[in-house]
Amino acid sequence: MSFLNDSVAARNGEQFGVYVAKPISPNGHAIVLLQEIFGVTQVIRKVADDYAADGYLVYAPDLFWRFEPGMELSHSKEDIKRAMSLLEKYDLSDGVSDVAATVEHIRALPDFNGKVAVAGLCMGGHLAYLSSVQSRVDAAVSYYGIGIDKSIESAGVPKCPVILHYGKKDAFLTPEALQTIQERLGTLPSVAVYVYEDADHGFYTRGSKQDVRIAHERTEAFLRQALGGVPA
């Protein structure tokens, strides 16, 4: 059973699924939430629901739809191996295109006149950064976006406010990569980089409650400042 409950038109005319979480008390703004390498899983849907509880309209696009629509992988050895294989084949430019299509879809909704942020975890965190450079988004949130250090030279610097969260004990993040991110992006006035000393990769959904709380509070404050109040 797929929990994707809406669809968006891709740039090539095809449709891809999205999970939509609607707020009970809307603040007028939206978030495009980008998955980890496991798909739009129950974990990602929970994150979407949490941001909807904060007042945001949340769209979580199925970024692996070109491989297998509606894919949900676990953390078993077999599924991790498959997820890593898909990541190697995945074209990040397709992801940026799907983000842009989702943003356009939201902005075309009747009565929507707010701003649209993009937020991502792991692979989605990298795509959130790339979208801040290449797409028309109003703010970007990256949780442990691996590969951003390699994209700075080729992609360029963000065109909107960005917040990045990293765990100091992230096995996928080398000290050199973190240093590059801090020196090249953390010094920009529009970018905030936060490092959580005892956190590992995936900490926002699988880490300590304290780190999750602090990261969420920082992101909420960031989004309020970047997106502003309820649109008129």
Protein backbone atom coordinates (compact mmCIF):
# COMPACT_ATOMS: atom_id res chain seq x y z
CA MET A 1 0.00 0.00 0.00
CA SER A 2 1.36 3.37 -0.99
CA PHE A 3 0.92 6.33 1.32
CA LEU A 4 1.56 8.81 -1.49
CA ASN A 5 -1.67 10.79 -1.66
CA ASP A 6 -1.17 13.27 -4.50
CA SER A 7 0.91 13.72 -7.64
CA VAL A 8 2.98 16.40 -9.37
CA ALA A 9 3.78 16.85 -13.05
CA ALA A 10 7.47 16.35 -13.81
CA ARG A 11 9.24 18.51 -16.36
CA ASN A 12 8.99 15.68 -18.93
CA GLY A 13 5.21 15.53 -18.58
CA GLU A 14 5.11 12.37 -16.45
CA GLN A 15 3.59 12.32 -12.98
CA PHE A 16 5.33 11.41 -9.73
CA GLY A 17 3.74 10.75 -6.37
CA VAL A 18 3.97 12.95 -3.29
CA TYR A 19 2.92 12.61 0.32
CA VAL A 20 1.02 15.71 1.40
CA ALA A 21 0.60 16.70 5.05
CA LYS A 22 -1.89 19.53 5.54
CA PRO A 23 -1.82 21.79 8.62
CA ILE A 24 -4.80 22.22 10.90
CA SER A 25 -3.77 25.80 11.62
CA PRO A 26 -1.96 27.00 8.46
CA ASN A 27 0.73 29.66 8.70
CA GLY A 28 0.44 30.27 4.95
CA HIS A 29 3.82 28.80 3.96
CA ALA A 30 4.94 25.44 2.59
CA ILE A 31 7.86 23.02 2.84
CA VAL A 32 9.05 20.58 0.19
CA LEU A 33 10.46 17.74 2.31
CA LEU A 34 13.13 15.59 0.64
CA GLN A 35 13.62 11.94 1.55
CA GLU A 36 16.60 9.91 2.62
CA ILE A 37 17.81 7.11 0.35
CA PHE A 38 15.09 4.79 1.69
CA GLY A 39 12.14 6.53 0.03
CA VAL A 40 9.13 8.38 1.41
CA THR A 41 9.05 6.08 4.39
CA GLN A 42 6.98 6.16 7.56
CA VAL A 43 9.85 8.13 9.12
CA ILE A 44 9.73 10.80 6.40
CA ARG A 45 5.95 10.97 6.62
CA LYS A 46 6.25 11.50 10.37
CA VAL A 47 8.65 14.40 9.78
CA ALA A 48 6.17 15.83 7.26
CA ASP A 49 3.33 15.49 9.77
CA ASP A 50 5.42 17.21 12.45
CA TYR A 51 6.08 20.22 10.21
CA ALA A 52 2.39 20.30 9.27
CA ALA A 53 1.64 20.46 13.01
CA ASP A 54 3.82 23.59 13.06
CA GLY A 55 1.52 25.14 10.45
CA TYR A 56 3.26 24.32 7.16
CA LEU A 57 1.74 22.71 4.10
CA VAL A 58 4.22 19.89 3.43
CA TYR A 59 4.87 18.03 0.18
CA ALA A 60 7.25 15.06 0.27
CA PRO A 61 7.97 14.00 -3.34
CA ASP A 62 8.90 10.45 -4.30
CA LEU A 63 12.41 11.15 -5.59
CA PHE A 64 13.05 7.54 -6.67
CA TRP A 65 9.98 7.35 -8.91
CA ARG A 66 12.12 6.79 -12.00
CA PHE A 67 13.38 3.54 -10.44
CA GLU A 68 10.26 2.25 -8.69
CA PRO A 69 7.33 4.48 -7.74
CA GLY A 70 6.35 4.36 -4.09
CA MET A 71 9.46 2.51 -2.95
CA GLU A 72 9.92 2.14 0.81
CA LEU A 73 13.10 0.49 2.06
CA SER A 74 14.01 -0.59 5.57
CA HIS A 75 17.36 -0.54 7.37
CA SER A 76 17.98 -4.22 6.78
CA LYS A 77 21.34 -5.15 5.25
CA GLU A 78 19.66 -6.07 1.97
CA ASP A 79 17.69 -2.82 1.76
CA ILE A 80 20.67 -0.67 2.75
CA LYS A 81 22.67 -2.34 -0.03
CA ARG A 82 19.87 -1.63 -2.49
CA ALA A 83 19.49 1.96 -1.31
CA MET A 84 23.21 2.62 -1.74
CA SER A 85 23.05 1.10 -5.22
CA LEU A 86 20.17 3.40 -6.15
CA LEU A 87 22.05 6.39 -4.78
CA GLU A 88 24.99 5.61 -7.05
CA LYS A 89 22.65 5.59 -10.06
CA TYR A 90 20.62 8.60 -9.00
CA ASP A 91 21.00 11.77 -11.07
CA LEU A 92 20.98 14.75 -8.73
CA SER A 93 19.87 17.00 -11.57
CA ASP A 94 16.67 14.92 -11.79
CA GLY A 95 16.14 15.57 -8.10
CA VAL A 96 16.60 19.32 -8.45
CA SER A 97 14.16 19.26 -11.36
CA ASP A 98 11.58 17.37 -9.29
CA VAL A 99 12.00 19.83 -6.42
CA ALA A 100 11.43 22.74 -8.79
CA ALA A 101 8.33 21.04 -10.23
CA THR A 102 6.97 20.48 -6.72
CA VAL A 103 7.61 24.10 -5.78
CA GLU A 104 5.81 25.28 -8.93
CA HIS A 105 2.90 22.94 -8.16
CA ILE A 106 2.52 24.40 -4.67
CA ARG A 107 2.75 27.99 -5.88
CA ALA A 108 0.00 27.27 -8.42
CA LEU A 109 -2.42 26.00 -5.77
CA PRO A 110 -5.59 28.07 -5.39
CA ASP A 111 -5.30 30.71 -2.66
CA PHE A 112 -1.63 29.91 -1.93
CA ASN A 113 0.39 33.10 -1.75
CA GLY A 114 3.02 32.17 0.81
CA LYS A 115 6.67 31.24 0.55
CA VAL A 116 8.13 27.79 -0.09
CA ALA A 117 11.10 26.30 1.73
CA VAL A 118 12.87 23.07 0.93
CA ALA A 119 14.13 20.72 3.66
CA GLY A 120 15.96 17.44 3.24
CA LEU A 121 17.67 14.64 5.09
CA CYS A 122 20.84 12.84 3.92
CA MET A 123 20.51 12.67 0.11
CA GLY A 124 17.61 15.09 0.47
CA GLY A 125 19.85 17.42 2.43
CA HIS A 126 22.26 17.58 -0.50
CA LEU A 127 19.36 18.26 -2.85
CA ALA A 128 18.06 20.98 -0.53
CA TYR A 129 21.41 22.75 -0.86
CA LEU A 130 21.48 22.33 -4.64
CA SER A 131 17.93 23.67 -4.81
CA SER A 132 18.98 26.75 -2.85
CA VAL A 133 21.46 27.45 -5.63
CA GLN A 134 19.58 26.32 -8.72
CA SER A 135 15.85 26.58 -7.95
CA ARG A 136 13.49 29.35 -6.96
CA VAL A 137 13.02 28.48 -3.29
CA ASP A 138 12.73 30.93 -0.41
CA ALA A 139 14.78 29.02 2.18
CA ALA A 140 16.61 25.70 2.51
CA VAL A 141 17.16 23.32 5.44
CA SER A 142 19.73 20.53 5.20
CA TYR A 143 20.07 17.74 7.74
CA TYR A 144 23.40 15.92 7.27
CA GLY A 145 23.56 16.62 3.54
CA ILE A 146 26.50 14.53 2.41
CA GLY A 147 28.35 15.72 -0.70
CA ILE A 148 27.66 19.41 -0.30
CA ASP A 149 31.37 20.13 0.09
CA LYS A 150 31.96 18.71 -3.40
CA SER A 151 29.12 20.76 -4.89
CA ILE A 152 30.24 24.17 -3.69
CA GLU A 153 32.67 24.72 -6.58
CA SER A 154 30.40 23.33 -9.31
CA ALA A 155 27.02 24.56 -8.10
CA GLY A 156 27.89 27.86 -6.47
CA VAL A 157 26.57 29.62 -3.38
CA PRO A 158 22.94 29.73 -2.22
CA LYS A 159 20.52 32.36 -3.47
CA CYS A 160 18.36 32.15 -0.35
CA PRO A 161 18.86 31.68 3.41
CA VAL A 162 20.18 28.22 4.34
CA ILE A 163 20.60 26.27 7.58
CA LEU A 164 22.73 23.12 7.74
CA HIS A 165 22.81 20.56 10.56
CA TYR A 166 25.61 17.99 10.98
CA GLY A 167 26.56 15.40 13.56
CA LYS A 168 30.22 15.57 14.60
CA LYS A 169 30.32 11.75 14.73
CA ASP A 170 28.77 11.27 11.29
CA ALA A 171 30.66 8.39 9.70
CA PHE A 172 29.78 9.66 6.23
CA LEU A 173 31.20 13.13 6.86
CA THR A 174 34.95 13.53 6.88
CA PRO A 175 36.52 16.27 9.03
CA GLU A 176 37.86 17.80 5.80
CA ALA A 177 34.36 17.94 4.30
CA LEU A 178 32.93 19.59 7.40
CA GLN A 179 35.79 22.10 7.45
CA THR A 180 35.16 22.98 3.80
CA ILE A 181 31.46 23.53 4.51
CA GLN A 182 32.18 25.66 7.55
CA GLU A 183 34.82 27.77 5.81
CA ARG A 184 33.07 28.18 2.44
CA LEU A 185 29.43 28.40 3.55
CA GLY A 186 29.41 29.05 7.29
CA THR A 187 31.03 32.43 6.78
CA LEU A 188 28.24 33.65 4.48
CA PRO A 189 25.70 35.92 6.20
CA SER A 190 22.79 33.95 4.72
CA VAL A 191 24.04 30.53 5.88
CA ALA A 192 24.07 28.97 9.36
CA VAL A 193 25.99 25.75 10.06
CA TYR A 194 25.33 23.84 13.28
CA VAL A 195 27.39 20.87 14.50
CA TYR A 196 26.08 18.48 17.16
CA GLU A 197 29.05 17.07 19.05
CA ASP A 198 27.64 13.67 20.03
CA ALA A 199 25.37 13.11 17.02
CA ASP A 200 25.82 10.56 14.25
CA HIS A 201 24.37 10.41 10.75
CA GLY A 202 20.57 10.32 10.76
CA PHE A 203 20.33 11.93 14.19
CA TYR A 204 17.24 14.01 13.37
CA THR A 205 15.09 10.89 13.14
CA ARG A 206 17.18 8.37 15.08
CA GLY A 207 19.28 10.41 17.50
CA SER A 208 18.94 11.75 21.02
CA LYS A 209 15.77 13.63 21.91
CA GLN A 210 17.83 16.62 22.99
CA ASP A 211 19.61 16.93 19.63
CA VAL A 212 16.31 16.50 17.78
CA ARG A 213 14.66 19.17 19.91
CA ILE A 214 17.50 21.65 19.49
CA ALA A 215 17.73 21.07 15.72
CA HIS A 216 13.97 21.45 15.32
CA GLU A 217 13.88 24.64 17.39
CA ARG A 218 16.75 26.11 15.38
CA THR A 219 15.02 25.20 12.13
CA GLU A 220 11.70 26.64 13.28
CA ALA A 221 13.35 29.93 14.27
CA PHE A 222 15.22 29.99 10.96
CA LEU A 223 12.06 29.40 8.93
CA ARG A 224 10.11 32.05 10.81
CA GLN A 225 12.80 34.60 10.03
CA ALA A 226 13.37 33.48 6.43
CA LEU A 227 9.72 33.11 5.44
CA GLY A 228 8.15 35.79 7.60
CA GLY A 229 4.70 35.86 9.14
CA VAL A 230 1.36 34.74 7.76
CA PRO A 231 0.91 36.13 4.22
CA ALA A 232 -1.71 38.83 3.81
